[in-house]
Amino acid sequence: MTRDRLCRAEGGASFAEVFVAMALTLIGLAGAMGAFLAAERSFRTGMLATRALALAESRIEAKRSVRWDRLLLDDLNHDGVPDLVMRDDGADGDVLAGDGVYSGSWDQDGVRLIWTVTPSRSGSLSASGHVLIEARAVYVAHDGQHEVRVGTLRANPVFVGSP
């Protein structure tokens, strides 16, 4: 083989081949970026859902563990001093004033928490044999508003029956 033939046999890639390779690489990178975006959205939604559930469950547990006479008081920052007094006034998450349902609300880290205490008898808590405690956590994700609800019943430890 002559030197001239050897040089022609070792031809490089054409411009079209390089262009197609670059286009395919860009399509692959765009797909990977889309996958990372979808994963980040899913992670954020899962994180908000977990936070909402944890806040609702912790509020229920706080209401289950407090003394009966302090059931309508809430210590949100855990310093031993009540930060919130639950009311039946139709404001801050309370649906209707005077309906016998006491409520409180709190916003934390993108989650709005609303909790209610509903006595078995309207009036004072001491006249009720039990209460229904509910917590509702609402958060907004990329696909809209979501809600987590948790509830429990708690018996009045000093209730002796109807007068």
N, C-alpha and C. Protein backbone atom coordinates (compact mmCIF):
# COMPACT_ATOMS: atom_id res chain seq x y z
N MET A 1 0.82 -1.18 0.00
CA MET A 1 0.00 0.00 0.00
C MET A 1 0.86 1.25 0.00
N THR A 2 0.45 2.16 -0.78
CA THR A 2 1.21 3.40 -0.83
C THR A 2 0.74 4.34 0.27
N ARG A 3 1.55 5.32 0.46
CA ARG A 3 1.25 6.28 1.53
C ARG A 3 -0.04 7.05 1.24
N ASP A 4 -0.31 7.34 0.01
CA ASP A 4 -1.50 8.09 -0.37
C ASP A 4 -2.76 7.28 -0.09
N ARG A 5 -2.76 6.00 -0.37
CA ARG A 5 -3.91 5.13 -0.11
C ARG A 5 -4.15 4.97 1.38
N LEU A 6 -3.11 4.92 2.19
CA LEU A 6 -3.22 4.75 3.62
C LEU A 6 -3.91 5.95 4.25
N CYS A 7 -3.63 7.14 3.79
CA CYS A 7 -4.25 8.36 4.33
C CYS A 7 -5.73 8.41 4.00
N ARG A 8 -6.12 7.98 2.81
CA ARG A 8 -7.52 7.99 2.44
C ARG A 8 -8.32 6.95 3.21
N ALA A 9 -7.73 5.85 3.58
CA ALA A 9 -8.43 4.78 4.29
C ALA A 9 -8.71 5.16 5.74
N GLU A 10 -8.01 6.13 6.30
CA GLU A 10 -8.21 6.54 7.68
C GLU A 10 -9.04 7.82 7.77
N GLY A 11 -10.13 7.91 7.07
CA GLY A 11 -10.97 9.11 7.09
C GLY A 11 -11.67 9.26 8.43
N GLY A 12 -11.93 10.50 8.88
CA GLY A 12 -12.58 10.79 10.16
C GLY A 12 -14.09 10.84 10.02
N ALA A 13 -14.75 11.24 11.12
CA ALA A 13 -16.21 11.35 11.12
C ALA A 13 -16.62 12.61 10.37
N SER A 14 -17.75 12.49 9.70
CA SER A 14 -18.25 13.64 8.95
C SER A 14 -18.97 14.61 9.90
N PHE A 15 -19.25 15.80 9.41
CA PHE A 15 -19.95 16.80 10.21
C PHE A 15 -21.34 16.31 10.59
N ALA A 16 -22.02 15.63 9.72
CA ALA A 16 -23.37 15.12 9.99
C ALA A 16 -23.35 14.11 11.14
N GLU A 17 -22.36 13.26 11.18
CA GLU A 17 -22.27 12.27 12.25
C GLU A 17 -22.04 12.94 13.60
N VAL A 18 -21.19 13.94 13.63
CA VAL A 18 -20.93 14.69 14.87
C VAL A 18 -22.19 15.43 15.30
N PHE A 19 -22.89 16.02 14.37
CA PHE A 19 -24.12 16.76 14.66
C PHE A 19 -25.19 15.83 15.24
N VAL A 20 -25.36 14.66 14.66
CA VAL A 20 -26.35 13.68 15.15
C VAL A 20 -25.96 13.21 16.57
N ALA A 21 -24.70 12.97 16.81
CA ALA A 21 -24.24 12.53 18.13
C ALA A 21 -24.50 13.61 19.17
N MET A 22 -24.27 14.87 18.81
CA MET A 22 -24.53 15.97 19.74
C MET A 22 -26.04 16.10 20.02
N ALA A 23 -26.86 15.96 19.01
CA ALA A 23 -28.31 16.06 19.18
C ALA A 23 -28.82 14.95 20.10
N LEU A 24 -28.34 13.73 19.89
CA LEU A 24 -28.76 12.62 20.75
C LEU A 24 -28.31 12.82 22.20
N THR A 25 -27.12 13.36 22.37
CA THR A 25 -26.62 13.64 23.72
C THR A 25 -27.49 14.69 24.40
N LEU A 26 -27.86 15.74 23.69
CA LEU A 26 -28.72 16.79 24.25
C LEU A 26 -30.10 16.25 24.61
N ILE A 27 -30.66 15.38 23.80
CA ILE A 27 -31.96 14.77 24.09
C ILE A 27 -31.85 13.92 25.36
N GLY A 28 -30.78 13.17 25.48
CA GLY A 28 -30.57 12.37 26.69
C GLY A 28 -30.42 13.22 27.94
N LEU A 29 -29.66 14.33 27.84
CA LEU A 29 -29.50 15.23 28.98
C LEU A 29 -30.81 15.90 29.36
N ALA A 30 -31.61 16.30 28.36
CA ALA A 30 -32.91 16.92 28.65
C ALA A 30 -33.82 15.92 29.37
N GLY A 31 -33.79 14.68 28.93
CA GLY A 31 -34.58 13.65 29.60
C GLY A 31 -34.13 13.41 31.04
N ALA A 32 -32.85 13.42 31.26
CA ALA A 32 -32.32 13.23 32.62
C ALA A 32 -32.70 14.41 33.51
N MET A 33 -32.64 15.63 32.97
CA MET A 33 -33.03 16.80 33.74
C MET A 33 -34.52 16.74 34.09
N GLY A 34 -35.35 16.30 33.16
CA GLY A 34 -36.78 16.13 33.43
C GLY A 34 -37.03 15.10 34.51
N ALA A 35 -36.25 14.03 34.49
CA ALA A 35 -36.39 13.00 35.53
C ALA A 35 -35.99 13.55 36.89
N PHE A 36 -34.93 14.36 36.94
CA PHE A 36 -34.53 14.97 38.22
C PHE A 36 -35.61 15.93 38.72
N LEU A 37 -36.23 16.69 37.82
CA LEU A 37 -37.29 17.61 38.21
C LEU A 37 -38.49 16.85 38.77
N ALA A 38 -38.88 15.77 38.11
CA ALA A 38 -40.00 14.95 38.59
C ALA A 38 -39.67 14.33 39.94
N ALA A 39 -38.46 13.87 40.12
CA ALA A 39 -38.05 13.29 41.39
C ALA A 39 -38.06 14.33 42.50
N GLU A 40 -37.62 15.55 42.20
CA GLU A 40 -37.60 16.61 43.20
C GLU A 40 -39.02 16.99 43.60
N ARG A 41 -39.94 17.09 42.66
CA ARG A 41 -41.35 17.37 42.97
C ARG A 41 -41.95 16.28 43.82
N SER A 42 -41.69 15.06 43.46
CA SER A 42 -42.22 13.92 44.22
C SER A 42 -41.65 13.92 45.64
N PHE A 43 -40.37 14.20 45.76
CA PHE A 43 -39.73 14.26 47.07
C PHE A 43 -40.34 15.37 47.92
N ARG A 44 -40.55 16.54 47.33
CA ARG A 44 -41.12 17.67 48.06
C ARG A 44 -42.55 17.36 48.52
N THR A 45 -43.35 16.75 47.65
CA THR A 45 -44.71 16.39 48.02
C THR A 45 -44.71 15.36 49.15
N GLY A 46 -43.83 14.38 49.05
CA GLY A 46 -43.72 13.38 50.11
C GLY A 46 -43.27 13.98 51.43
N MET A 47 -42.35 14.93 51.36
CA MET A 47 -41.87 15.58 52.56
C MET A 47 -42.99 16.39 53.22
N LEU A 48 -43.78 17.11 52.42
CA LEU A 48 -44.91 17.87 52.98
C LEU A 48 -45.96 16.95 53.56
N ALA A 49 -46.24 15.84 52.89
CA ALA A 49 -47.23 14.89 53.39
C ALA A 49 -46.78 14.29 54.72
N THR A 50 -45.51 13.94 54.82
CA THR A 50 -44.97 13.39 56.06
C THR A 50 -45.02 14.42 57.18
N ARG A 51 -44.65 15.66 56.87
CA ARG A 51 -44.70 16.73 57.86
C ARG A 51 -46.13 16.98 58.33
N ALA A 52 -47.08 16.99 57.39
CA ALA A 52 -48.48 17.21 57.74
C ALA A 52 -49.00 16.10 58.66
N LEU A 53 -48.69 14.86 58.33
CA LEU A 53 -49.12 13.74 59.17
C LEU A 53 -48.48 13.80 60.54
N ALA A 54 -47.20 14.13 60.60
CA ALA A 54 -46.51 14.22 61.90
C ALA A 54 -47.09 15.34 62.76
N LEU A 55 -47.39 16.48 62.16
CA LEU A 55 -47.98 17.58 62.92
C LEU A 55 -49.36 17.22 63.44
N ALA A 56 -50.18 16.59 62.60
CA ALA A 56 -51.53 16.20 63.02
C ALA A 56 -51.47 15.15 64.14
N GLU A 57 -50.63 14.14 63.98
CA GLU A 57 -50.52 13.11 65.02
C GLU A 57 -49.95 13.67 66.32
N SER A 58 -49.00 14.58 66.23
CA SER A 58 -48.42 15.13 67.46
C SER A 58 -49.44 16.01 68.19
N ARG A 59 -50.29 16.71 67.46
CA ARG A 59 -51.32 17.52 68.12
C ARG A 59 -52.35 16.62 68.79
N ILE A 60 -52.70 15.51 68.16
CA ILE A 60 -53.63 14.55 68.77
C ILE A 60 -53.02 13.98 70.04
N GLU A 61 -51.76 13.59 69.98
CA GLU A 61 -51.09 13.03 71.16
C GLU A 61 -50.97 14.05 72.28
N ALA A 62 -50.73 15.30 71.92
CA ALA A 62 -50.66 16.35 72.94
C ALA A 62 -52.01 16.50 73.64
N LYS A 63 -53.09 16.41 72.89
CA LYS A 63 -54.43 16.51 73.47
C LYS A 63 -54.78 15.28 74.29
N ARG A 64 -54.28 14.14 73.92
CA ARG A 64 -54.56 12.91 74.68
C ARG A 64 -53.80 12.87 76.00
N SER A 65 -52.64 13.53 76.06
CA SER A 65 -51.79 13.42 77.24
C SER A 65 -51.99 14.54 78.26
N VAL A 66 -52.65 15.61 77.88
CA VAL A 66 -52.81 16.74 78.80
C VAL A 66 -53.93 16.46 79.81
N ARG A 67 -53.85 17.12 80.96
CA ARG A 67 -54.92 16.97 81.96
C ARG A 67 -56.24 17.46 81.36
N TRP A 68 -57.34 16.87 81.82
CA TRP A 68 -58.66 17.18 81.28
C TRP A 68 -58.99 18.66 81.41
N ASP A 69 -58.65 19.27 82.54
CA ASP A 69 -58.99 20.67 82.76
C ASP A 69 -58.13 21.62 81.92
N ARG A 70 -57.09 21.12 81.25
CA ARG A 70 -56.25 21.94 80.38
C ARG A 70 -56.38 21.54 78.91
N LEU A 71 -57.48 20.87 78.60
CA LEU A 71 -57.69 20.34 77.25
C LEU A 71 -57.82 21.44 76.20
N LEU A 72 -58.29 22.60 76.58
CA LEU A 72 -58.48 23.69 75.62
C LEU A 72 -57.30 24.65 75.57
N LEU A 73 -56.22 24.32 76.26
CA LEU A 73 -55.00 25.13 76.24
C LEU A 73 -53.93 24.40 75.44
N ASP A 74 -53.15 25.14 74.68
CA ASP A 74 -52.10 24.52 73.86
C ASP A 74 -50.77 25.23 74.07
N ASP A 75 -49.75 24.43 74.35
CA ASP A 75 -48.37 24.93 74.47
C ASP A 75 -47.64 24.52 73.19
N LEU A 76 -47.66 25.38 72.20
CA LEU A 76 -47.13 25.04 70.88
C LEU A 76 -45.61 25.00 70.81
N ASN A 77 -44.93 25.78 71.63
CA ASN A 77 -43.48 25.79 71.59
C ASN A 77 -42.85 24.99 72.74
N HIS A 78 -43.66 24.29 73.51
CA HIS A 78 -43.22 23.37 74.57
C HIS A 78 -42.35 24.05 75.63
N ASP A 79 -42.75 25.25 76.02
CA ASP A 79 -42.01 25.95 77.08
C ASP A 79 -42.75 25.94 78.41
N GLY A 80 -43.86 25.25 78.49
CA GLY A 80 -44.62 25.15 79.74
C GLY A 80 -45.66 26.24 79.91
N VAL A 81 -45.72 27.20 78.99
CA VAL A 81 -46.69 28.29 79.07
C VAL A 81 -47.66 28.14 77.89
N PRO A 82 -48.99 28.13 78.15
CA PRO A 82 -49.94 28.00 77.04
C PRO A 82 -49.82 29.15 76.05
N ASP A 83 -49.72 28.81 74.77
CA ASP A 83 -49.61 29.80 73.71
C ASP A 83 -50.96 30.10 73.06
N LEU A 84 -51.90 29.17 73.18
CA LEU A 84 -53.16 29.30 72.49
C LEU A 84 -54.29 28.75 73.35
N VAL A 85 -55.40 29.45 73.37
CA VAL A 85 -56.61 28.97 74.03
C VAL A 85 -57.62 28.65 72.94
N MET A 86 -58.09 27.42 72.89
CA MET A 86 -59.06 27.02 71.88
C MET A 86 -60.38 27.73 72.16
N ARG A 87 -61.04 28.18 71.09
CA ARG A 87 -62.27 28.95 71.22
C ARG A 87 -63.34 28.40 70.29
N ASP A 88 -64.57 28.76 70.63
CA ASP A 88 -65.72 28.44 69.80
C ASP A 88 -66.30 29.76 69.31
N ASP A 89 -65.50 30.48 68.51
CA ASP A 89 -65.89 31.83 68.11
C ASP A 89 -66.06 32.04 66.61
N GLY A 90 -65.92 30.98 65.81
CA GLY A 90 -66.10 31.10 64.37
C GLY A 90 -64.92 31.70 63.64
N ALA A 91 -63.75 31.78 64.27
CA ALA A 91 -62.56 32.36 63.64
C ALA A 91 -61.40 31.37 63.71
N ASP A 92 -60.41 31.56 62.84
CA ASP A 92 -59.18 30.74 62.83
C ASP A 92 -59.45 29.24 62.77
N GLY A 93 -60.20 28.81 61.76
CA GLY A 93 -60.45 27.39 61.58
C GLY A 93 -61.72 26.90 62.21
N ASP A 94 -62.34 27.68 63.10
CA ASP A 94 -63.60 27.29 63.70
C ASP A 94 -64.71 27.59 62.69
N VAL A 95 -65.49 26.58 62.36
CA VAL A 95 -66.48 26.71 61.30
C VAL A 95 -67.62 27.64 61.68
N LEU A 96 -68.17 27.45 62.88
CA LEU A 96 -69.36 28.19 63.28
C LEU A 96 -69.26 28.58 64.75
N ALA A 97 -69.49 29.82 65.05
CA ALA A 97 -69.44 30.29 66.44
C ALA A 97 -70.62 29.71 67.23
N GLY A 98 -70.34 29.24 68.43
CA GLY A 98 -71.39 28.74 69.31
C GLY A 98 -71.91 27.35 69.00
N ASP A 99 -71.21 26.60 68.15
CA ASP A 99 -71.68 25.25 67.80
C ASP A 99 -71.19 24.17 68.75
N GLY A 100 -70.41 24.55 69.76
CA GLY A 100 -69.91 23.59 70.73
C GLY A 100 -68.59 22.95 70.34
N VAL A 101 -68.05 23.31 69.19
CA VAL A 101 -66.77 22.76 68.72
C VAL A 101 -65.69 23.80 68.96
N TYR A 102 -64.70 23.46 69.78
CA TYR A 102 -63.60 24.36 70.08
C TYR A 102 -62.46 24.06 69.11
N SER A 103 -61.83 25.11 68.60
CA SER A 103 -60.79 24.87 67.60
C SER A 103 -59.60 25.80 67.81
N GLY A 104 -58.50 25.37 67.23
CA GLY A 104 -57.26 26.14 67.20
C GLY A 104 -56.57 25.90 65.89
N SER A 105 -55.68 26.79 65.50
CA SER A 105 -54.96 26.60 64.25
C SER A 105 -53.55 27.15 64.38
N TRP A 106 -52.69 26.64 63.50
CA TRP A 106 -51.28 27.01 63.53
C TRP A 106 -50.67 26.71 62.17
N ASP A 107 -49.83 27.62 61.68
CA ASP A 107 -49.12 27.43 60.42
C ASP A 107 -47.66 27.17 60.71
N GLN A 108 -47.12 26.10 60.11
CA GLN A 108 -45.71 25.78 60.31
C GLN A 108 -45.15 25.10 59.08
N ASP A 109 -44.08 25.64 58.52
CA ASP A 109 -43.33 25.04 57.42
C ASP A 109 -44.19 24.60 56.24
N GLY A 110 -45.11 25.45 55.82
CA GLY A 110 -45.94 25.15 54.66
C GLY A 110 -47.14 24.28 54.94
N VAL A 111 -47.43 24.01 56.21
CA VAL A 111 -48.57 23.19 56.58
C VAL A 111 -49.45 23.99 57.52
N ARG A 112 -50.75 24.04 57.22
CA ARG A 112 -51.72 24.68 58.12
C ARG A 112 -52.41 23.58 58.91
N LEU A 113 -52.27 23.66 60.23
CA LEU A 113 -52.83 22.66 61.13
C LEU A 113 -54.04 23.27 61.84
N ILE A 114 -55.17 22.58 61.77
CA ILE A 114 -56.39 22.98 62.45
C ILE A 114 -56.84 21.80 63.29
N TRP A 115 -57.05 22.02 64.59
CA TRP A 115 -57.49 20.93 65.45
C TRP A 115 -58.75 21.36 66.19
N THR A 116 -59.60 20.39 66.49
CA THR A 116 -60.87 20.67 67.15
C THR A 116 -61.09 19.71 68.30
N VAL A 117 -61.82 20.19 69.30
CA VAL A 117 -62.28 19.37 70.43
C VAL A 117 -63.79 19.54 70.48
N THR A 118 -64.51 18.42 70.31
CA THR A 118 -65.97 18.44 70.31
C THR A 118 -66.47 17.65 71.52
N PRO A 119 -67.04 18.31 72.53
CA PRO A 119 -67.57 17.60 73.70
C PRO A 119 -68.81 16.78 73.32
N SER A 120 -69.05 15.71 74.08
CA SER A 120 -70.23 14.89 73.83
C SER A 120 -71.51 15.65 74.19
N ARG A 121 -71.41 16.60 75.09
CA ARG A 121 -72.53 17.47 75.44
C ARG A 121 -72.08 18.91 75.26
N SER A 122 -72.92 19.71 74.64
CA SER A 122 -72.54 21.12 74.51
C SER A 122 -72.57 21.77 75.88
N GLY A 123 -71.71 22.72 76.05
CA GLY A 123 -71.55 23.37 77.35
C GLY A 123 -70.14 23.18 77.83
N SER A 124 -69.99 22.92 79.11
CA SER A 124 -68.65 22.79 79.66
C SER A 124 -68.08 21.39 79.42
N LEU A 125 -66.76 21.31 79.44
CA LEU A 125 -66.10 20.01 79.26
C LEU A 125 -66.35 19.08 80.43
N SER A 126 -66.50 19.63 81.62
CA SER A 126 -66.68 18.78 82.80
C SER A 126 -68.01 18.04 82.77
N ALA A 127 -68.99 18.53 82.02
CA ALA A 127 -70.29 17.87 81.93
C ALA A 127 -70.33 16.83 80.82
N SER A 128 -69.24 16.69 80.08
CA SER A 128 -69.18 15.74 78.96
C SER A 128 -68.48 14.47 79.39
N GLY A 129 -69.01 13.34 78.93
CA GLY A 129 -68.39 12.06 79.22
C GLY A 129 -67.18 11.78 78.37
N HIS A 130 -67.15 12.35 77.19
CA HIS A 130 -66.01 12.17 76.30
C HIS A 130 -65.96 13.33 75.30
N VAL A 131 -64.84 13.44 74.61
CA VAL A 131 -64.68 14.43 73.55
C VAL A 131 -64.12 13.75 72.31
N LEU A 132 -64.45 14.31 71.17
CA LEU A 132 -63.85 13.90 69.90
C LEU A 132 -62.76 14.91 69.58
N ILE A 133 -61.54 14.44 69.41
CA ILE A 133 -60.40 15.29 69.08
C ILE A 133 -60.01 14.99 67.65
N GLU A 134 -59.98 16.03 66.82
CA GLU A 134 -59.61 15.87 65.42
C GLU A 134 -58.52 16.87 65.06
N ALA A 135 -57.61 16.45 64.20
CA ALA A 135 -56.57 17.34 63.68
C ALA A 135 -56.58 17.21 62.16
N ARG A 136 -56.50 18.35 61.50
CA ARG A 136 -56.52 18.39 60.05
C ARG A 136 -55.33 19.22 59.59
N ALA A 137 -54.48 18.65 58.76
CA ALA A 137 -53.31 19.34 58.24
C ALA A 137 -53.48 19.53 56.74
N VAL A 138 -53.38 20.78 56.30
CA VAL A 138 -53.58 21.12 54.89
C VAL A 138 -52.27 21.67 54.34
N TYR A 139 -51.88 21.19 53.15
CA TYR A 139 -50.67 21.67 52.49
C TYR A 139 -50.91 21.72 50.99
N VAL A 140 -50.14 22.56 50.32
CA VAL A 140 -50.26 22.73 48.88
C VAL A 140 -49.02 22.16 48.22
N ALA A 141 -49.23 21.26 47.28
CA ALA A 141 -48.14 20.66 46.50
C ALA A 141 -48.30 21.12 45.04
N HIS A 142 -47.42 20.65 44.17
CA HIS A 142 -47.46 21.07 42.77
C HIS A 142 -48.74 20.66 42.06
N ASP A 143 -49.41 19.64 42.56
CA ASP A 143 -50.63 19.16 41.92
C ASP A 143 -51.90 19.59 42.66
N GLY A 144 -51.80 20.55 43.56
CA GLY A 144 -52.99 21.08 44.23
C GLY A 144 -52.91 20.95 45.74
N GLN A 145 -54.05 21.21 46.37
CA GLN A 145 -54.14 21.20 47.83
C GLN A 145 -54.45 19.78 48.32
N HIS A 146 -53.79 19.40 49.40
CA HIS A 146 -53.99 18.08 50.01
C HIS A 146 -54.34 18.25 51.48
N GLU A 147 -54.96 17.23 52.06
CA GLU A 147 -55.37 17.30 53.45
C GLU A 147 -55.17 15.95 54.12
N VAL A 148 -54.69 16.00 55.36
CA VAL A 148 -54.52 14.81 56.20
C VAL A 148 -55.41 15.01 57.42
N ARG A 149 -56.23 14.00 57.75
CA ARG A 149 -57.11 14.08 58.92
C ARG A 149 -56.83 12.93 59.87
N VAL A 150 -56.78 13.27 61.16
CA VAL A 150 -56.55 12.27 62.20
C VAL A 150 -57.53 12.60 63.33
N GLY A 151 -58.07 11.58 63.98
CA GLY A 151 -59.00 11.82 65.08
C GLY A 151 -58.95 10.72 66.11
N THR A 152 -59.48 11.03 67.30
CA THR A 152 -59.55 10.06 68.39
C THR A 152 -60.63 10.49 69.37
N LEU A 153 -61.07 9.57 70.18
CA LEU A 153 -61.98 9.86 71.28
C LEU A 153 -61.19 9.83 72.58
N ARG A 154 -61.58 10.71 73.50
CA ARG A 154 -60.95 10.72 74.81
C ARG A 154 -62.04 10.80 75.86
N ALA A 155 -61.97 9.91 76.84
CA ALA A 155 -62.97 9.88 77.91
C ALA A 155 -62.59 10.84 79.02
N ASN A 156 -63.62 11.41 79.64
CA ASN A 156 -63.43 12.28 80.80
C ASN A 156 -63.15 11.41 82.01
N PRO A 157 -61.97 11.51 82.64
CA PRO A 157 -61.62 10.62 83.74
C PRO A 157 -62.43 10.87 85.02
N VAL A 158 -63.07 12.02 85.14
CA VAL A 158 -63.82 12.33 86.37
C VAL A 158 -65.34 12.36 86.14
N PHE A 159 -65.78 11.94 84.97
CA PHE A 159 -67.20 11.94 84.66
C PHE A 159 -67.89 10.80 85.40
N VAL A 160 -68.99 11.11 86.09
CA VAL A 160 -69.69 10.08 86.86
C VAL A 160 -71.08 9.80 86.31
N GLY A 161 -71.48 10.43 85.27
CA GLY A 161 -72.79 10.15 84.67
C GLY A 161 -73.68 11.38 84.66
N SER A 162 -74.87 11.19 84.17
CA SER A 162 -75.82 12.29 84.07
C SER A 162 -76.32 12.69 85.45
N PRO A 163 -76.51 14.02 85.69
CA PRO A 163 -77.02 14.46 87.00
C PRO A 163 -78.49 14.18 87.14
